[in-house]
N, C-alpha and C. Protein backbone atom coordinates (compact mmCIF):
# COMPACT_ATOMS: atom_id res chain seq x y z
N MET A 1 21.77 -5.62 -0.76
CA MET A 1 21.44 -4.20 -0.85
C MET A 1 22.58 -3.40 -0.25
N HIS A 2 23.00 -2.37 -0.94
CA HIS A 2 24.07 -1.51 -0.45
C HIS A 2 23.54 -0.56 0.62
N GLN A 3 24.40 -0.18 1.55
CA GLN A 3 23.99 0.71 2.64
C GLN A 3 23.43 2.03 2.11
N GLU A 4 24.07 2.60 1.08
CA GLU A 4 23.59 3.87 0.54
C GLU A 4 22.21 3.71 -0.10
N ASP A 5 21.94 2.52 -0.65
CA ASP A 5 20.62 2.26 -1.22
C ASP A 5 19.56 2.32 -0.13
N GLU A 6 19.84 1.68 1.02
CA GLU A 6 18.87 1.67 2.11
C GLU A 6 18.62 3.08 2.62
N SER A 7 19.65 3.90 2.78
CA SER A 7 19.44 5.26 3.27
C SER A 7 18.62 6.07 2.28
N HIS A 8 18.81 5.80 0.99
CA HIS A 8 18.01 6.49 -0.03
C HIS A 8 16.54 6.08 0.10
N HIS A 9 16.28 4.80 0.34
CA HIS A 9 14.90 4.33 0.49
C HIS A 9 14.26 4.89 1.76
N ILE A 10 15.05 5.11 2.79
CA ILE A 10 14.52 5.63 4.05
C ILE A 10 13.87 6.99 3.85
N VAL A 11 14.48 7.84 3.06
CA VAL A 11 13.93 9.17 2.80
C VAL A 11 12.52 9.06 2.21
N TRP A 12 12.36 8.19 1.23
CA TRP A 12 11.05 8.05 0.57
C TRP A 12 10.05 7.36 1.49
N MET A 13 10.50 6.41 2.28
CA MET A 13 9.59 5.71 3.19
C MET A 13 9.06 6.66 4.27
N LYS A 14 9.85 7.64 4.67
CA LYS A 14 9.36 8.64 5.63
C LYS A 14 8.18 9.38 5.04
N THR A 15 8.25 9.69 3.76
CA THR A 15 7.13 10.36 3.09
C THR A 15 5.91 9.44 3.04
N ALA A 16 6.12 8.17 2.75
CA ALA A 16 5.02 7.20 2.73
C ALA A 16 4.36 7.12 4.11
N LEU A 17 5.16 7.15 5.17
CA LEU A 17 4.60 7.13 6.53
C LEU A 17 3.74 8.37 6.80
N CYS A 18 4.16 9.51 6.30
CA CYS A 18 3.37 10.74 6.45
C CYS A 18 2.02 10.59 5.74
N LEU A 19 2.03 9.99 4.56
CA LEU A 19 0.78 9.75 3.83
C LEU A 19 -0.11 8.76 4.58
N ALA A 20 0.50 7.77 5.21
CA ALA A 20 -0.28 6.80 6.01
C ALA A 20 -0.90 7.49 7.21
N GLN A 21 -0.15 8.38 7.84
CA GLN A 21 -0.68 9.13 8.99
C GLN A 21 -1.88 9.98 8.55
N LYS A 22 -1.77 10.59 7.39
CA LYS A 22 -2.88 11.39 6.84
C LYS A 22 -4.12 10.51 6.61
N ALA A 23 -3.92 9.31 6.09
CA ALA A 23 -5.02 8.37 5.89
C ALA A 23 -5.66 8.02 7.23
N LEU A 24 -4.84 7.78 8.24
CA LEU A 24 -5.35 7.47 9.58
C LEU A 24 -6.22 8.61 10.10
N GLU A 25 -5.76 9.82 9.92
CA GLU A 25 -6.52 11.00 10.37
C GLU A 25 -7.86 11.12 9.65
N GLN A 26 -7.96 10.52 8.48
CA GLN A 26 -9.21 10.54 7.71
C GLN A 26 -10.02 9.26 7.92
N GLN A 27 -9.69 8.53 8.99
CA GLN A 27 -10.36 7.28 9.38
C GLN A 27 -10.29 6.20 8.29
N GLU A 28 -9.16 6.16 7.61
CA GLU A 28 -8.89 5.13 6.61
C GLU A 28 -7.82 4.19 7.17
N VAL A 29 -7.76 2.98 6.64
CA VAL A 29 -6.67 2.09 7.00
C VAL A 29 -5.38 2.82 6.64
N PRO A 30 -4.47 3.00 7.60
CA PRO A 30 -3.30 3.86 7.37
C PRO A 30 -2.22 3.23 6.51
N VAL A 31 -2.42 3.33 5.21
CA VAL A 31 -1.41 2.89 4.25
C VAL A 31 -1.09 4.09 3.39
N GLY A 32 0.20 4.40 3.27
CA GLY A 32 0.65 5.50 2.43
C GLY A 32 1.58 4.98 1.36
N CYS A 33 1.50 5.60 0.19
CA CYS A 33 2.23 5.09 -0.98
C CYS A 33 2.71 6.25 -1.83
N LEU A 34 3.87 6.08 -2.45
CA LEU A 34 4.33 7.04 -3.44
C LEU A 34 5.12 6.32 -4.51
N ILE A 35 5.10 6.91 -5.69
CA ILE A 35 5.86 6.38 -6.82
C ILE A 35 6.89 7.44 -7.17
N VAL A 36 8.15 7.01 -7.23
CA VAL A 36 9.27 7.91 -7.47
C VAL A 36 9.93 7.55 -8.79
N ASN A 37 10.20 8.56 -9.60
CA ASN A 37 10.89 8.38 -10.86
C ASN A 37 11.99 9.42 -10.95
N LYS A 38 13.22 8.98 -11.06
CA LYS A 38 14.37 9.88 -11.17
C LYS A 38 14.37 10.92 -10.05
N ASP A 39 14.25 10.43 -8.82
CA ASP A 39 14.26 11.27 -7.61
C ASP A 39 13.15 12.31 -7.57
N ARG A 40 12.04 12.02 -8.23
CA ARG A 40 10.89 12.92 -8.24
C ARG A 40 9.64 12.10 -7.91
N ILE A 41 8.86 12.59 -6.96
CA ILE A 41 7.59 11.93 -6.66
C ILE A 41 6.62 12.25 -7.78
N ILE A 42 6.12 11.19 -8.42
CA ILE A 42 5.20 11.40 -9.55
C ILE A 42 3.79 10.90 -9.25
N GLY A 43 3.61 10.25 -8.12
CA GLY A 43 2.29 9.79 -7.72
C GLY A 43 2.27 9.48 -6.24
N THR A 44 1.15 9.80 -5.59
CA THR A 44 0.99 9.49 -4.17
C THR A 44 -0.41 8.91 -3.95
N GLY A 45 -0.54 8.21 -2.86
CA GLY A 45 -1.86 7.68 -2.51
C GLY A 45 -1.94 7.29 -1.06
N GLY A 46 -3.14 7.39 -0.57
CA GLY A 46 -3.51 6.88 0.74
C GLY A 46 -4.83 6.18 0.56
N ASN A 47 -5.13 5.21 1.40
CA ASN A 47 -6.37 4.47 1.23
C ASN A 47 -7.58 5.41 1.23
N GLU A 48 -8.54 5.11 0.38
CA GLU A 48 -9.80 5.86 0.30
C GLU A 48 -11.00 4.91 0.32
N VAL A 49 -10.79 3.71 0.83
CA VAL A 49 -11.84 2.69 0.81
C VAL A 49 -13.05 3.12 1.64
N ASN A 50 -12.84 3.60 2.84
CA ASN A 50 -13.95 3.98 3.71
C ASN A 50 -14.70 5.19 3.17
N ARG A 51 -13.97 6.20 2.73
CA ARG A 51 -14.60 7.42 2.23
C ARG A 51 -15.44 7.15 0.99
N THR A 52 -14.90 6.35 0.08
CA THR A 52 -15.58 6.12 -1.19
C THR A 52 -16.50 4.90 -1.15
N LYS A 53 -16.35 4.09 -0.09
CA LYS A 53 -17.09 2.81 0.00
C LYS A 53 -16.82 1.95 -1.23
N ASN A 54 -15.57 1.99 -1.69
CA ASN A 54 -15.12 1.23 -2.85
C ASN A 54 -13.88 0.46 -2.43
N ALA A 55 -13.99 -0.85 -2.39
CA ALA A 55 -12.91 -1.71 -1.88
C ALA A 55 -11.65 -1.69 -2.73
N THR A 56 -11.70 -1.13 -3.93
CA THR A 56 -10.51 -1.09 -4.79
C THR A 56 -9.69 0.19 -4.61
N ARG A 57 -10.10 1.10 -3.76
CA ARG A 57 -9.42 2.39 -3.62
C ARG A 57 -8.25 2.29 -2.63
N HIS A 58 -7.33 1.38 -2.94
CA HIS A 58 -6.12 1.22 -2.13
C HIS A 58 -5.10 2.28 -2.52
N ALA A 59 -4.17 2.54 -1.61
CA ALA A 59 -3.15 3.57 -1.82
C ALA A 59 -2.38 3.37 -3.12
N GLU A 60 -2.02 2.11 -3.41
CA GLU A 60 -1.23 1.84 -4.63
C GLU A 60 -2.02 2.16 -5.89
N ILE A 61 -3.30 1.84 -5.90
CA ILE A 61 -4.14 2.10 -7.07
C ILE A 61 -4.27 3.60 -7.30
N ILE A 62 -4.43 4.35 -6.24
CA ILE A 62 -4.55 5.81 -6.36
C ILE A 62 -3.25 6.40 -6.89
N ALA A 63 -2.10 5.92 -6.39
CA ALA A 63 -0.81 6.40 -6.89
C ALA A 63 -0.62 6.05 -8.36
N ILE A 64 -1.01 4.84 -8.75
CA ILE A 64 -0.93 4.44 -10.17
C ILE A 64 -1.76 5.38 -11.03
N GLU A 65 -2.97 5.70 -10.58
CA GLU A 65 -3.84 6.60 -11.35
C GLU A 65 -3.22 7.98 -11.50
N GLU A 66 -2.56 8.47 -10.45
CA GLU A 66 -1.90 9.78 -10.55
C GLU A 66 -0.79 9.75 -11.59
N VAL A 67 -0.02 8.67 -11.61
CA VAL A 67 1.06 8.57 -12.60
C VAL A 67 0.48 8.49 -14.01
N ARG A 68 -0.58 7.73 -14.18
CA ARG A 68 -1.21 7.64 -15.50
C ARG A 68 -1.73 9.00 -15.96
N ASP A 69 -2.31 9.77 -15.04
CA ASP A 69 -2.76 11.13 -15.37
C ASP A 69 -1.59 12.02 -15.76
N LEU A 70 -0.48 11.91 -15.02
CA LEU A 70 0.72 12.68 -15.35
C LEU A 70 1.21 12.33 -16.75
N CYS A 71 1.24 11.06 -17.07
CA CYS A 71 1.69 10.62 -18.40
C CYS A 71 0.80 11.20 -19.50
N ARG A 72 -0.50 11.21 -19.27
CA ARG A 72 -1.41 11.80 -20.27
C ARG A 72 -1.15 13.29 -20.42
N ARG A 73 -1.03 14.00 -19.30
CA ARG A 73 -0.81 15.46 -19.35
C ARG A 73 0.50 15.83 -20.03
N GLU A 74 1.55 15.04 -19.75
CA GLU A 74 2.89 15.38 -20.25
C GLU A 74 3.28 14.58 -21.49
N CYS A 75 2.33 13.87 -22.07
CA CYS A 75 2.56 13.06 -23.28
C CYS A 75 3.74 12.10 -23.11
N LEU A 76 3.76 11.41 -21.98
CA LEU A 76 4.81 10.43 -21.69
C LEU A 76 4.28 9.03 -21.95
N VAL A 77 5.15 8.12 -22.28
CA VAL A 77 4.77 6.73 -22.50
C VAL A 77 4.71 6.05 -21.13
N GLU A 78 3.51 5.60 -20.74
CA GLU A 78 3.31 5.01 -19.42
C GLU A 78 4.30 3.89 -19.13
N ARG A 79 4.46 2.98 -20.05
CA ARG A 79 5.33 1.82 -19.84
C ARG A 79 6.75 2.28 -19.52
N ASP A 80 7.23 3.31 -20.23
CA ASP A 80 8.58 3.82 -19.98
C ASP A 80 8.69 4.44 -18.58
N VAL A 81 7.68 5.17 -18.18
CA VAL A 81 7.71 5.83 -16.87
C VAL A 81 7.64 4.79 -15.75
N PHE A 82 6.68 3.89 -15.83
CA PHE A 82 6.54 2.88 -14.77
C PHE A 82 7.77 1.98 -14.70
N SER A 83 8.33 1.62 -15.83
CA SER A 83 9.45 0.67 -15.83
C SER A 83 10.74 1.27 -15.26
N THR A 84 10.76 2.57 -15.03
CA THR A 84 11.93 3.23 -14.44
C THR A 84 11.59 3.88 -13.10
N SER A 85 10.49 3.44 -12.48
CA SER A 85 10.04 4.02 -11.22
C SER A 85 10.13 3.00 -10.09
N ILE A 86 10.06 3.50 -8.87
CA ILE A 86 10.02 2.67 -7.67
C ILE A 86 8.78 3.06 -6.88
N LEU A 87 8.08 2.05 -6.37
CA LEU A 87 6.92 2.31 -5.52
C LEU A 87 7.32 2.07 -4.07
N TYR A 88 6.98 3.01 -3.21
CA TYR A 88 7.20 2.91 -1.77
C TYR A 88 5.85 2.87 -1.09
N VAL A 89 5.65 1.90 -0.20
CA VAL A 89 4.37 1.77 0.49
C VAL A 89 4.63 1.24 1.90
N THR A 90 3.80 1.68 2.83
CA THR A 90 4.04 1.33 4.23
C THR A 90 3.72 -0.11 4.57
N VAL A 91 2.78 -0.72 3.82
CA VAL A 91 2.36 -2.10 4.07
C VAL A 91 2.49 -2.89 2.77
N GLU A 92 2.91 -4.14 2.88
CA GLU A 92 3.02 -5.02 1.72
C GLU A 92 1.76 -4.94 0.87
N PRO A 93 1.89 -4.74 -0.43
CA PRO A 93 0.70 -4.69 -1.29
C PRO A 93 -0.09 -5.99 -1.22
N CYS A 94 -1.42 -5.85 -1.25
CA CYS A 94 -2.28 -7.02 -1.29
C CYS A 94 -2.16 -7.68 -2.67
N ALA A 95 -2.80 -8.82 -2.83
CA ALA A 95 -2.73 -9.55 -4.11
C ALA A 95 -3.27 -8.70 -5.26
N MET A 96 -4.37 -7.97 -5.03
CA MET A 96 -4.93 -7.12 -6.08
C MET A 96 -3.92 -6.06 -6.52
N CYS A 97 -3.33 -5.38 -5.54
CA CYS A 97 -2.39 -4.30 -5.86
C CYS A 97 -1.11 -4.86 -6.48
N ALA A 98 -0.63 -6.00 -5.98
CA ALA A 98 0.57 -6.61 -6.57
C ALA A 98 0.32 -6.95 -8.04
N GLY A 99 -0.87 -7.44 -8.35
CA GLY A 99 -1.22 -7.71 -9.74
C GLY A 99 -1.23 -6.45 -10.57
N ALA A 100 -1.78 -5.37 -10.03
CA ALA A 100 -1.81 -4.09 -10.74
C ALA A 100 -0.39 -3.57 -10.96
N LEU A 101 0.48 -3.73 -9.97
CA LEU A 101 1.87 -3.27 -10.11
C LEU A 101 2.60 -4.05 -11.20
N ARG A 102 2.33 -5.34 -11.29
CA ARG A 102 2.91 -6.13 -12.39
C ARG A 102 2.37 -5.63 -13.74
N GLN A 103 1.09 -5.36 -13.81
CA GLN A 103 0.50 -4.86 -15.05
C GLN A 103 1.18 -3.56 -15.50
N MET A 104 1.53 -2.72 -14.54
CA MET A 104 2.16 -1.43 -14.85
C MET A 104 3.64 -1.57 -15.17
N GLY A 105 4.25 -2.68 -14.77
CA GLY A 105 5.65 -2.93 -15.08
C GLY A 105 6.64 -2.28 -14.13
N LEU A 106 6.22 -1.99 -12.91
CA LEU A 106 7.16 -1.44 -11.92
C LEU A 106 8.21 -2.48 -11.57
N PRO A 107 9.49 -2.12 -11.56
CA PRO A 107 10.53 -3.11 -11.29
C PRO A 107 10.83 -3.35 -9.80
N LEU A 108 10.47 -2.38 -8.94
CA LEU A 108 10.83 -2.49 -7.52
C LEU A 108 9.75 -1.88 -6.65
N VAL A 109 9.41 -2.61 -5.58
CA VAL A 109 8.49 -2.13 -4.56
C VAL A 109 9.22 -2.23 -3.22
N VAL A 110 9.23 -1.12 -2.49
CA VAL A 110 9.84 -1.06 -1.17
C VAL A 110 8.69 -0.88 -0.18
N TYR A 111 8.61 -1.77 0.82
CA TYR A 111 7.50 -1.64 1.77
C TYR A 111 7.96 -1.84 3.20
N GLY A 112 7.11 -1.37 4.11
CA GLY A 112 7.42 -1.44 5.53
C GLY A 112 7.13 -2.80 6.12
N CYS A 113 5.88 -3.04 6.49
CA CYS A 113 5.54 -4.29 7.18
C CYS A 113 4.82 -5.27 6.27
N ASP A 114 4.90 -6.54 6.67
CA ASP A 114 4.18 -7.59 5.95
C ASP A 114 2.68 -7.43 6.14
N ASN A 115 1.93 -7.92 5.18
CA ASN A 115 0.47 -7.94 5.23
C ASN A 115 0.08 -9.41 5.41
N ASP A 116 -0.03 -9.83 6.67
CA ASP A 116 -0.24 -11.24 6.98
C ASP A 116 -1.61 -11.77 6.59
N ARG A 117 -2.53 -10.90 6.22
CA ARG A 117 -3.87 -11.34 5.83
C ARG A 117 -4.06 -11.39 4.32
N PHE A 118 -3.47 -10.40 3.61
CA PHE A 118 -3.75 -10.27 2.18
C PHE A 118 -2.50 -10.06 1.33
N GLY A 119 -1.33 -10.25 1.89
CA GLY A 119 -0.08 -9.91 1.22
C GLY A 119 0.12 -10.58 -0.12
N GLY A 120 0.47 -9.79 -1.12
CA GLY A 120 0.68 -10.29 -2.47
C GLY A 120 2.14 -10.35 -2.88
N CYS A 121 3.05 -10.12 -1.91
CA CYS A 121 4.48 -10.15 -2.22
C CYS A 121 5.19 -11.23 -1.42
N GLY A 122 4.45 -12.26 -1.06
CA GLY A 122 5.07 -13.40 -0.40
C GLY A 122 4.50 -13.77 0.95
N SER A 123 3.90 -12.84 1.66
CA SER A 123 3.37 -13.17 2.99
C SER A 123 2.23 -14.17 2.92
N VAL A 124 1.34 -14.00 1.94
CA VAL A 124 0.23 -14.91 1.75
C VAL A 124 0.33 -15.60 0.39
N ILE A 125 0.53 -14.81 -0.64
CA ILE A 125 0.68 -15.32 -2.00
C ILE A 125 1.75 -14.47 -2.68
N ASP A 126 2.49 -15.06 -3.58
CA ASP A 126 3.56 -14.32 -4.24
C ASP A 126 3.16 -13.93 -5.67
N VAL A 127 2.34 -12.90 -5.75
CA VAL A 127 1.97 -12.36 -7.06
C VAL A 127 3.14 -11.58 -7.65
N ALA A 128 3.94 -10.98 -6.79
CA ALA A 128 5.04 -10.11 -7.22
C ALA A 128 6.07 -10.82 -8.09
N SER A 129 6.47 -12.02 -7.68
CA SER A 129 7.60 -12.64 -8.38
C SER A 129 7.39 -14.10 -8.75
N ASN A 130 6.16 -14.53 -8.80
CA ASN A 130 5.89 -15.92 -9.15
C ASN A 130 5.90 -16.07 -10.67
N PRO A 131 6.92 -16.70 -11.23
CA PRO A 131 7.01 -16.84 -12.69
C PRO A 131 5.95 -17.79 -13.26
N ALA A 132 5.30 -18.57 -12.39
CA ALA A 132 4.27 -19.49 -12.87
C ALA A 132 2.99 -18.76 -13.26
N LEU A 133 2.82 -17.53 -12.77
CA LEU A 133 1.65 -16.76 -13.17
C LEU A 133 1.79 -16.35 -14.63
N THR A 134 0.71 -16.19 -15.29
CA THR A 134 0.70 -15.90 -16.72
C THR A 134 1.53 -14.68 -17.10
N ASP A 135 2.16 -14.75 -18.26
CA ASP A 135 2.95 -13.62 -18.76
C ASP A 135 2.09 -12.38 -18.98
N SER A 136 0.80 -12.58 -19.25
CA SER A 136 -0.06 -11.42 -19.51
C SER A 136 -0.24 -10.56 -18.26
N LEU A 137 0.10 -11.10 -17.09
CA LEU A 137 0.02 -10.30 -15.86
C LEU A 137 1.06 -9.20 -15.88
N GLY A 138 2.17 -9.43 -16.56
CA GLY A 138 3.24 -8.44 -16.61
C GLY A 138 4.49 -9.00 -15.98
N PRO A 139 5.58 -8.25 -16.07
CA PRO A 139 6.86 -8.74 -15.52
C PRO A 139 6.83 -8.80 -13.99
N CYS A 140 7.58 -9.74 -13.45
CA CYS A 140 7.75 -9.83 -12.00
C CYS A 140 8.47 -8.58 -11.51
N PHE A 141 8.31 -8.28 -10.22
CA PHE A 141 9.06 -7.15 -9.64
C PHE A 141 9.76 -7.59 -8.37
N ASP A 142 10.84 -6.89 -8.06
CA ASP A 142 11.62 -7.14 -6.85
C ASP A 142 10.99 -6.39 -5.68
N THR A 143 11.28 -6.85 -4.48
CA THR A 143 10.80 -6.16 -3.28
C THR A 143 11.94 -6.00 -2.28
N ILE A 144 11.85 -4.93 -1.53
CA ILE A 144 12.68 -4.71 -0.35
C ILE A 144 11.69 -4.45 0.77
N LYS A 145 11.78 -5.22 1.84
CA LYS A 145 10.80 -5.06 2.90
C LYS A 145 11.46 -4.74 4.22
N GLY A 146 10.65 -4.22 5.13
CA GLY A 146 11.10 -4.02 6.50
C GLY A 146 11.57 -2.62 6.85
N ILE A 147 11.56 -1.70 5.91
CA ILE A 147 11.99 -0.33 6.22
C ILE A 147 10.84 0.38 6.92
N PHE A 148 11.06 0.77 8.16
CA PHE A 148 10.05 1.38 9.03
C PHE A 148 8.87 0.44 9.29
N SER A 149 9.18 -0.83 9.39
CA SER A 149 8.15 -1.83 9.66
C SER A 149 7.41 -1.55 10.97
N ASN A 150 8.14 -1.28 12.03
CA ASN A 150 7.52 -1.04 13.34
C ASN A 150 6.60 0.17 13.31
N GLU A 151 7.02 1.22 12.62
CA GLU A 151 6.19 2.42 12.53
C GLU A 151 4.91 2.15 11.75
N ALA A 152 5.03 1.36 10.69
CA ALA A 152 3.85 1.00 9.89
C ALA A 152 2.88 0.15 10.72
N VAL A 153 3.41 -0.79 11.49
CA VAL A 153 2.58 -1.62 12.35
C VAL A 153 1.89 -0.76 13.41
N ASP A 154 2.62 0.18 14.00
CA ASP A 154 2.02 1.06 15.01
C ASP A 154 0.84 1.84 14.45
N LEU A 155 0.96 2.33 13.22
CA LEU A 155 -0.15 3.05 12.60
C LEU A 155 -1.36 2.13 12.42
N LEU A 156 -1.12 0.91 11.99
CA LEU A 156 -2.21 -0.05 11.83
C LEU A 156 -2.86 -0.36 13.18
N LYS A 157 -2.06 -0.54 14.21
CA LYS A 157 -2.60 -0.81 15.55
C LYS A 157 -3.47 0.36 16.01
N ASN A 158 -3.02 1.58 15.75
CA ASN A 158 -3.82 2.75 16.14
C ASN A 158 -5.17 2.76 15.44
N PHE A 159 -5.19 2.35 14.18
CA PHE A 159 -6.45 2.30 13.45
C PHE A 159 -7.36 1.21 14.00
N TYR A 160 -6.82 0.02 14.18
CA TYR A 160 -7.64 -1.11 14.55
C TYR A 160 -8.04 -1.14 16.02
N LYS A 161 -7.41 -0.33 16.86
CA LYS A 161 -7.86 -0.28 18.26
C LYS A 161 -9.12 0.55 18.40
N GLY A 162 -9.39 1.40 17.42
CA GLY A 162 -10.64 2.17 17.40
C GLY A 162 -11.68 1.42 16.61
N GLU A 163 -12.88 1.94 16.62
CA GLU A 163 -13.96 1.31 15.85
C GLU A 163 -14.02 1.96 14.48
N ASN A 164 -14.13 1.15 13.46
CA ASN A 164 -14.26 1.65 12.10
C ASN A 164 -15.72 2.02 11.89
N PRO A 165 -16.03 3.31 11.77
CA PRO A 165 -17.43 3.73 11.64
C PRO A 165 -18.06 3.27 10.32
N ASN A 166 -17.25 2.84 9.38
CA ASN A 166 -17.77 2.41 8.08
C ASN A 166 -17.92 0.89 7.98
N ALA A 167 -17.54 0.18 9.03
CA ALA A 167 -17.65 -1.28 9.00
C ALA A 167 -19.12 -1.69 9.12
N PRO A 168 -19.49 -2.76 8.44
CA PRO A 168 -20.86 -3.25 8.62
C PRO A 168 -21.09 -3.67 10.06
N ASN A 169 -22.33 -3.62 10.52
CA ASN A 169 -22.64 -3.94 11.92
C ASN A 169 -22.08 -5.29 12.34
N SER A 170 -22.11 -6.27 11.46
CA SER A 170 -21.62 -7.59 11.81
C SER A 170 -20.11 -7.62 12.06
N LYS A 171 -19.38 -6.61 11.59
CA LYS A 171 -17.93 -6.56 11.74
C LYS A 171 -17.49 -5.59 12.83
N ARG A 172 -18.42 -4.82 13.38
CA ARG A 172 -18.04 -3.82 14.38
C ARG A 172 -17.63 -4.48 15.69
N LYS A 173 -16.74 -3.83 16.38
CA LYS A 173 -16.30 -4.33 17.68
C LYS A 173 -17.43 -4.13 18.68
N LEU A 174 -17.64 -5.13 19.51
CA LEU A 174 -18.65 -5.02 20.56
C LEU A 174 -17.96 -4.49 21.81
N LYS A 175 -18.48 -3.39 22.34
CA LYS A 175 -17.92 -2.81 23.55
C LYS A 175 -18.72 -3.31 24.74
N VAL A 176 -18.02 -3.85 25.71
CA VAL A 176 -18.68 -4.35 26.90
C VAL A 176 -18.50 -3.31 28.00
N VAL A 177 -19.63 -2.86 28.55
CA VAL A 177 -19.61 -1.90 29.64
C VAL A 177 -19.37 -2.68 30.92
N GLU A 178 -18.50 -2.16 31.78
CA GLU A 178 -18.16 -2.85 33.02
C GLU A 178 -19.43 -3.11 33.82
N GLY A 179 -19.58 -4.34 34.30
CA GLY A 179 -20.75 -4.72 35.09
C GLY A 179 -21.89 -5.26 34.24
N GLN A 180 -21.78 -5.16 32.91
CA GLN A 180 -22.82 -5.70 32.03
C GLN A 180 -22.24 -6.80 31.19
N GLU A 181 -23.00 -7.82 30.96
CA GLU A 181 -22.54 -8.90 30.09
C GLU A 181 -23.00 -8.63 28.67
N SER A 182 -22.20 -9.08 27.73
CA SER A 182 -22.59 -8.96 26.34
C SER A 182 -23.57 -10.07 25.98
N ASN A 183 -24.53 -9.75 25.11
CA ASN A 183 -25.48 -10.75 24.65
C ASN A 183 -24.84 -11.65 23.59
N HIS A 184 -23.67 -11.28 23.11
CA HIS A 184 -23.00 -12.04 22.05
C HIS A 184 -21.85 -12.83 22.67
N LYS A 185 -21.89 -14.13 22.51
CA LYS A 185 -20.81 -14.95 23.05
C LYS A 185 -20.25 -15.83 21.99
């Protein structure tokens, strides 16, 4: 990667971090995403899983939907737009999102930190560039990782240190009051 390429990606990743911060403020997992085509943001997204109670409302999916809406409004060919765009996201796309990105034909995904639990770009499974996966999934895409990784991790830590009010009771953190023992061991 050329130095000027990295500085160009930094500008867009700063915007993705702002979108992640906005998601955090809305009590969502802080992931921010944008799709850029010819130096123009054409789609943005932040997680909406908690608000909608729909596990598929990841930042990448929302950004993809915005681009598809733009293509319909402006009579653009989706495949042409996606194939010349770059997706920027604060956290490595999960396997579901990586599959969707292949379906859309995006050639490059730039992300901040690895997703050690659900990563679809190599951390857990390589949906992004595994040629053994069926051709019907779509073309493989390249990734650049690690831009603002620490900042992305810090946002995730801020979210997970609090209690998720939308988590099922079995998944909620148990708070132990000093001097009292928890009934759960």
